[in-house]
Amino acid sequence: MADVIYITEEGLHKLREELDQLRNVERSAISKQIADARDKGDLSENAEYAAAKEAQGLLEHKISRLEDIVARSRVLDESKIDTTSVRILNKVKIRNKSNNSVMEYLIVPESEANFKLGKIAISSPIAQGLMGKKVGDVVEIKVPSGIIPFEIVSISV
């Protein structure tokens, strides 16, 4: 079995909803497109049929990928998350030592990352640099613009 994917209850719920949509709505729509295209005659020269079959293949691949992710997912119990050092699902407030700006990020699994909402993936350079550190630690993190020193101001859930 492949690696376990850690996810929040909310993230797993969204994946299951998407999977349900693909299985029950999208799959039916593509089947109807294939049937309609098949009714138009010679399949060897039917571009609509070929396009619908290709869309079906892509959809089935996406469904298979999501089923795999859901099967390997393990929900993280937020009540048991330690805040003595930075871990996944911690909300971390950091201060950029170069310009004194303060940022707050929630460290989440890759599938739930959304930078606009302040959710960064655990695999991101910033999250990787913060993992295991404690409040008051100063870490130098390599980002695309160079190496930036950050001080950990607080860790919460």
C-alpha atoms as a PDB file:
ATOM      1  CA  MET A   1       0.000   0.000   0.000  1.00  0.00           C
ATOM      2  CA  ALA A   2       1.212   3.490  -0.765  1.00  0.00           C
ATOM      3  CA  ASP A   3       1.923   6.188   1.806  1.00  0.00           C
ATOM      4  CA  VAL A   4      -0.739   7.404   4.215  1.00  0.00           C
ATOM      5  CA  ILE A   5      -2.150  10.860   3.531  1.00  0.00           C
ATOM      6  CA  TYR A   6      -3.017  12.900   6.617  1.00  0.00           C
ATOM      7  CA  ILE A   7      -6.039  15.116   6.167  1.00  0.00           C
ATOM      8  CA  THR A   8      -8.571  17.086   8.177  1.00  0.00           C
ATOM      9  CA  GLU A   9     -12.188  15.994   8.554  1.00  0.00           C
ATOM     10  CA  GLU A  10     -13.218  18.968   6.385  1.00  0.00           C
ATOM     11  CA  GLY A  11     -10.712  18.057   3.669  1.00  0.00           C
ATOM     12  CA  LEU A  12     -11.880  14.432   3.559  1.00  0.00           C
ATOM     13  CA  HIS A  13     -15.497  15.592   3.356  1.00  0.00           C
ATOM     14  CA  LYS A  14     -14.663  17.803   0.332  1.00  0.00           C
ATOM     15  CA  LEU A  15     -12.839  14.935  -1.398  1.00  0.00           C
ATOM     16  CA  ARG A  16     -15.794  12.606  -0.854  1.00  0.00           C
ATOM     17  CA  GLU A  17     -18.219  15.230  -2.203  1.00  0.00           C
ATOM     18  CA  GLU A  18     -16.075  15.707  -5.315  1.00  0.00           C
ATOM     19  CA  LEU A  19     -15.838  11.946  -5.815  1.00  0.00           C
ATOM     20  CA  ASP A  20     -19.609  11.605  -5.447  1.00  0.00           C
ATOM     21  CA  GLN A  21     -20.147  14.399  -8.018  1.00  0.00           C
ATOM     22  CA  LEU A  22     -17.800  12.722 -10.499  1.00  0.00           C
ATOM     23  CA  ARG A  23     -19.329   9.257 -10.045  1.00  0.00           C
ATOM     24  CA  ASN A  24     -23.007  10.202 -10.035  1.00  0.00           C
ATOM     25  CA  VAL A  25     -23.269  13.322 -12.204  1.00  0.00           C
ATOM     26  CA  GLU A  26     -20.251  13.611 -14.502  1.00  0.00           C
ATOM     27  CA  ARG A  27     -20.108   9.900 -15.352  1.00  0.00           C
ATOM     28  CA  SER A  28     -23.805   9.902 -16.366  1.00  0.00           C
ATOM     29  CA  ALA A  29     -23.370  13.008 -18.495  1.00  0.00           C
ATOM     30  CA  ILE A  30     -20.441  11.511 -20.396  1.00  0.00           C
ATOM     31  CA  SER A  31     -22.317   8.235 -20.925  1.00  0.00           C
ATOM     32  CA  LYS A  32     -25.169  10.234 -22.445  1.00  0.00           C
ATOM     33  CA  GLN A  33     -22.725  12.108 -24.726  1.00  0.00           C
ATOM     34  CA  ILE A  34     -21.270   8.791 -25.910  1.00  0.00           C
ATOM     35  CA  ALA A  35     -24.739   7.374 -26.583  1.00  0.00           C
ATOM     36  CA  ASP A  36     -25.784  10.499 -28.490  1.00  0.00           C
ATOM     37  CA  ALA A  37     -22.595  10.434 -30.569  1.00  0.00           C
ATOM     38  CA  ARG A  38     -22.991   6.705 -31.255  1.00  0.00           C
ATOM     39  CA  ASP A  39     -26.494   7.357 -32.661  1.00  0.00           C
ATOM     40  CA  LYS A  40     -25.001   9.670 -35.312  1.00  0.00           C
ATOM     41  CA  GLY A  41     -23.573   6.831 -37.367  1.00  0.00           C
ATOM     42  CA  ASP A  42     -20.102   5.645 -38.381  1.00  0.00           C
ATOM     43  CA  LEU A  43     -17.922   5.631 -35.259  1.00  0.00           C
ATOM     44  CA  SER A  44     -14.633   5.569 -37.207  1.00  0.00           C
ATOM     45  CA  GLU A  45     -15.226   9.113 -38.492  1.00  0.00           C
ATOM     46  CA  ASN A  46     -17.237  10.485 -35.586  1.00  0.00           C
ATOM     47  CA  ALA A  47     -15.275  13.251 -33.835  1.00  0.00           C
ATOM     48  CA  GLU A  48     -17.959  13.714 -31.151  1.00  0.00           C
ATOM     49  CA  TYR A  49     -17.706  10.044 -30.213  1.00  0.00           C
ATOM     50  CA  ALA A  50     -13.906  10.184 -30.041  1.00  0.00           C
ATOM     51  CA  ALA A  51     -14.004  13.319 -27.873  1.00  0.00           C
ATOM     52  CA  ALA A  52     -16.604  11.820 -25.540  1.00  0.00           C
ATOM     53  CA  LYS A  53     -14.578   8.601 -25.171  1.00  0.00           C
ATOM     54  CA  GLU A  54     -11.451  10.628 -24.387  1.00  0.00           C
ATOM     55  CA  ALA A  55     -13.369  12.685 -21.798  1.00  0.00           C
ATOM     56  CA  GLN A  56     -14.623   9.414 -20.295  1.00  0.00           C
ATOM     57  CA  GLY A  57     -11.062   8.126 -19.981  1.00  0.00           C
ATOM     58  CA  LEU A  58      -9.914  11.315 -18.274  1.00  0.00           C
ATOM     59  CA  LEU A  59     -12.883  11.217 -15.906  1.00  0.00           C
ATOM     60  CA  GLU A  60     -12.260   7.591 -14.967  1.00  0.00           C
ATOM     61  CA  HIS A  61      -8.602   8.408 -14.282  1.00  0.00           C
ATOM     62  CA  LYS A  62      -9.614  11.304 -12.019  1.00  0.00           C
ATOM     63  CA  ILE A  63     -12.136   9.101 -10.180  1.00  0.00           C
ATOM     64  CA  SER A  64      -9.494   6.402  -9.709  1.00  0.00           C
ATOM     65  CA  ARG A  65      -6.979   8.944  -8.363  1.00  0.00           C
ATOM     66  CA  LEU A  66      -9.512  10.382  -5.891  1.00  0.00           C
ATOM     67  CA  GLU A  67     -10.557   6.900  -4.743  1.00  0.00           C
ATOM     68  CA  ASP A  68      -6.904   6.139  -4.032  1.00  0.00           C
ATOM     69  CA  ILE A  69      -6.468   9.370  -2.052  1.00  0.00           C
ATOM     70  CA  VAL A  70      -9.619   8.727   0.005  1.00  0.00           C
ATOM     71  CA  ALA A  71      -8.553   5.137   0.694  1.00  0.00           C
ATOM     72  CA  ARG A  72      -5.104   6.229   1.932  1.00  0.00           C
ATOM     73  CA  SER A  73      -6.399   9.199   3.963  1.00  0.00           C
ATOM     74  CA  ARG A  74      -6.235   9.253   7.737  1.00  0.00           C
ATOM     75  CA  VAL A  75      -8.113  11.994   9.583  1.00  0.00           C
ATOM     76  CA  LEU A  76      -6.027  13.971  12.054  1.00  0.00           C
ATOM     77  CA  ASP A  77      -7.581  14.440  15.488  1.00  0.00           C
ATOM     78  CA  GLU A  78      -7.250  18.171  16.071  1.00  0.00           C
ATOM     79  CA  SER A  79      -7.840  17.769  19.822  1.00  0.00           C
ATOM     80  CA  LYS A  80      -4.603  15.780  20.177  1.00  0.00           C
ATOM     81  CA  ILE A  81      -2.332  18.200  18.331  1.00  0.00           C
ATOM     82  CA  ASP A  82       0.639  19.357  20.368  1.00  0.00           C
ATOM     83  CA  THR A  83       1.552  23.052  20.291  1.00  0.00           C
ATOM     84  CA  THR A  84       4.937  22.881  22.009  1.00  0.00           C
ATOM     85  CA  SER A  85       6.581  22.719  18.587  1.00  0.00           C
ATOM     86  CA  VAL A  86       5.397  23.292  15.017  1.00  0.00           C
ATOM     87  CA  ARG A  87       3.454  20.369  13.531  1.00  0.00           C
ATOM     88  CA  ILE A  88       0.803  19.799  10.887  1.00  0.00           C
ATOM     89  CA  LEU A  89      -2.492  21.601  11.629  1.00  0.00           C
ATOM     90  CA  ASN A  90      -0.726  24.148  13.829  1.00  0.00           C
ATOM     91  CA  LYS A  91      -1.432  27.817  13.285  1.00  0.00           C
ATOM     92  CA  VAL A  92       1.971  29.503  13.365  1.00  0.00           C
ATOM     93  CA  LYS A  93       2.556  33.233  13.712  1.00  0.00           C
ATOM     94  CA  ILE A  94       5.988  34.239  12.417  1.00  0.00           C
ATOM     95  CA  ARG A  95       7.855  37.542  12.174  1.00  0.00           C
ATOM     96  CA  ASN A  96      10.084  38.289   9.224  1.00  0.00           C
ATOM     97  CA  LYS A  97      13.267  39.531  10.941  1.00  0.00           C
ATOM     98  CA  SER A  98      14.296  41.482   7.804  1.00  0.00           C
ATOM     99  CA  ASN A  99      11.279  43.782   7.594  1.00  0.00           C
ATOM    100  CA  ASN A 100       9.432  43.024  10.882  1.00  0.00           C
ATOM    101  CA  SER A 101       6.229  41.954   9.096  1.00  0.00           C
ATOM    102  CA  VAL A 102       4.124  39.377  10.923  1.00  0.00           C
ATOM    103  CA  MET A 103       2.343  36.541   9.121  1.00  0.00           C
ATOM    104  CA  GLU A 104       0.155  33.715  10.335  1.00  0.00           C
ATOM    105  CA  TYR A 105      -0.147  30.393   8.525  1.00  0.00           C
ATOM    106  CA  LEU A 106      -2.038  27.182   9.132  1.00  0.00           C
ATOM    107  CA  ILE A 107       0.075  24.183   8.123  1.00  0.00           C
ATOM    108  CA  VAL A 108      -2.143  21.718   6.265  1.00  0.00           C
ATOM    109  CA  PRO A 109      -1.864  18.643   4.021  1.00  0.00           C
ATOM    110  CA  GLU A 110      -1.039  19.371   0.374  1.00  0.00           C
ATOM    111  CA  SER A 111      -4.626  18.742  -0.747  1.00  0.00           C
ATOM    112  CA  GLU A 112      -5.958  21.528   1.514  1.00  0.00           C
ATOM    113  CA  ALA A 113      -3.392  24.248   0.834  1.00  0.00           C
ATOM    114  CA  ASN A 114      -4.807  27.663  -0.079  1.00  0.00           C
ATOM    115  CA  PHE A 115      -2.330  30.510   0.267  1.00  0.00           C
ATOM    116  CA  LYS A 116      -5.069  33.173  -0.011  1.00  0.00           C
ATOM    117  CA  LEU A 117      -6.674  31.718   3.122  1.00  0.00           C
ATOM    118  CA  GLY A 118      -3.340  31.441   4.931  1.00  0.00           C
ATOM    119  CA  LYS A 119      -3.177  27.648   4.582  1.00  0.00           C
ATOM    120  CA  ILE A 120       0.255  26.432   3.480  1.00  0.00           C
ATOM    121  CA  ALA A 121       1.139  22.898   2.477  1.00  0.00           C
ATOM    122  CA  ILE A 122       3.318  20.900   4.816  1.00  0.00           C
ATOM    123  CA  SER A 123       5.659  20.322   1.860  1.00  0.00           C
ATOM    124  CA  SER A 124       6.193  24.062   1.235  1.00  0.00           C
ATOM    125  CA  PRO A 125       9.630  25.544   2.018  1.00  0.00           C
ATOM    126  CA  ILE A 126       8.250  27.725   4.826  1.00  0.00           C
ATOM    127  CA  ALA A 127       6.393  24.844   6.525  1.00  0.00           C
ATOM    128  CA  GLN A 128       9.382  22.532   6.148  1.00  0.00           C
ATOM    129  CA  GLY A 129      11.642  25.151   7.737  1.00  0.00           C
ATOM    130  CA  LEU A 130       9.269  25.615  10.678  1.00  0.00           C
ATOM    131  CA  MET A 131       8.552  21.944  11.454  1.00  0.00           C
ATOM    132  CA  GLY A 132       9.713  20.899  14.912  1.00  0.00           C
ATOM    133  CA  LYS A 133      10.716  24.431  15.968  1.00  0.00           C
ATOM    134  CA  LYS A 134       9.463  26.141  19.143  1.00  0.00           C
ATOM    135  CA  VAL A 135       8.201  29.623  20.053  1.00  0.00           C
ATOM    136  CA  GLY A 136      11.122  32.061  20.111  1.00  0.00           C
ATOM    137  CA  ASP A 137      13.250  30.042  17.656  1.00  0.00           C
ATOM    138  CA  VAL A 138      14.704  31.937  14.706  1.00  0.00           C
ATOM    139  CA  VAL A 139      14.918  29.933  11.493  1.00  0.00           C
ATOM    140  CA  GLU A 140      16.427  30.853   8.163  1.00  0.00           C
ATOM    141  CA  ILE A 141      14.227  29.646   5.338  1.00  0.00           C
ATOM    142  CA  LYS A 142      15.217  29.523   1.707  1.00  0.00           C
ATOM    143  CA  VAL A 143      12.425  30.943  -0.445  1.00  0.00           C
ATOM    144  CA  PRO A 144      12.486  31.925  -4.133  1.00  0.00           C
ATOM    145  CA  SER A 145      13.586  35.464  -3.260  1.00  0.00           C
ATOM    146  CA  GLY A 146      16.499  34.276  -1.082  1.00  0.00           C
ATOM    147  CA  ILE A 147      17.081  33.271   2.531  1.00  0.00           C
ATOM    148  CA  ILE A 148      14.817  34.986   5.058  1.00  0.00           C
ATOM    149  CA  PRO A 149      15.155  34.810   8.852  1.00  0.00           C
ATOM    150  CA  PHE A 150      11.836  34.201  10.656  1.00  0.00           C
ATOM    151  CA  GLU A 151      11.117  34.235  14.377  1.00  0.00           C
ATOM    152  CA  ILE A 152       8.323  31.998  15.649  1.00  0.00           C
ATOM    153  CA  VAL A 153       5.979  34.252  17.648  1.00  0.00           C
ATOM    154  CA  SER A 154       3.258  31.752  18.573  1.00  0.00           C
ATOM    155  CA  ILE A 155       1.957  28.256  17.894  1.00  0.00           C
ATOM    156  CA  SER A 156      -1.731  27.387  18.315  1.00  0.00           C
ATOM    157  CA  VAL A 157      -4.432  25.058  16.994  1.00  0.00           C
END
